[in-house]
Amino acid sequence: MTWTSGYVADIGYTYGYCNELNPLRVKPAFLNNGLVFPEVGAACELGFGQGP
């Protein structure tokens, strides 16, 4: 059994930061529609990618 057993490991992943994944970028859309933006205490990007 290898470390990739059951996982897709042959798809490339970005080295950079994707602004679009930042949950705070949706805040203006909430405010423009009269909605209250929820407090974001922590957010998790599930694809750890290339690491630091």
Protein backbone atom coordinates (compact mmCIF):
# COMPACT_ATOMS: atom_id res chain seq x y z
CA MET A 1 0.00 0.00 0.00
CA THR A 2 1.38 3.41 -0.97
CA TRP A 3 0.66 6.83 0.52
CA THR A 4 -1.53 7.64 -2.49
CA SER A 5 -3.81 4.63 -2.10
CA GLY A 6 -7.33 5.94 -2.51
CA TYR A 7 -6.22 9.51 -3.36
CA VAL A 8 -5.76 11.34 -6.64
CA ALA A 9 -2.16 12.55 -6.56
CA ASP A 10 -1.30 13.24 -10.20
CA ILE A 11 -3.08 16.59 -10.66
CA GLY A 12 -0.98 19.74 -10.46
CA TYR A 13 -1.83 22.39 -7.86
CA THR A 14 -1.08 26.08 -7.80
CA TYR A 15 2.02 27.47 -6.13
CA GLY A 16 0.40 30.85 -5.64
CA TYR A 17 -2.32 32.38 -3.53
CA CYS A 18 -5.81 32.57 -5.03
CA ASN A 19 -7.60 35.75 -3.92
CA GLU A 20 -10.90 34.24 -4.99
CA LEU A 21 -10.65 31.63 -2.20
CA ASN A 22 -10.59 34.30 0.52
CA PRO A 23 -13.99 34.23 2.26
CA LEU A 24 -13.79 37.98 2.95
CA ARG A 25 -14.05 38.71 -0.79
CA VAL A 26 -17.76 37.86 -0.65
CA LYS A 27 -18.43 40.46 2.08
CA PRO A 28 -19.29 43.32 -0.36
CA ALA A 29 -21.90 41.09 -2.04
CA PHE A 30 -23.56 40.50 1.33
CA LEU A 31 -23.53 44.20 2.21
CA ASN A 32 -24.82 45.30 -1.21
CA ASN A 33 -27.82 43.00 -0.76
CA GLY A 34 -28.60 44.17 2.77
CA LEU A 35 -27.36 40.97 4.39
CA VAL A 36 -25.25 40.69 7.51
CA PHE A 37 -21.90 39.09 6.82
CA PRO A 38 -21.13 36.36 9.38
CA GLU A 39 -18.03 36.63 11.52
CA VAL A 40 -15.23 34.54 10.08
CA GLY A 41 -13.12 33.19 12.92
CA ALA A 42 -11.18 30.67 10.87
CA ALA A 43 -11.25 29.45 7.30
CA CYS A 44 -9.70 26.33 5.88
CA GLU A 45 -8.49 25.81 2.35
CA LEU A 46 -8.79 22.06 2.03
CA GLY A 47 -6.20 21.65 -0.72
CA PHE A 48 -2.89 22.26 1.01
CA GLY A 49 -1.19 22.41 -2.36
CA GLN A 50 2.56 22.79 -2.52
CA GLY A 51 2.93 23.84 1.11
CA PRO A 52 4.90 26.85 2.35
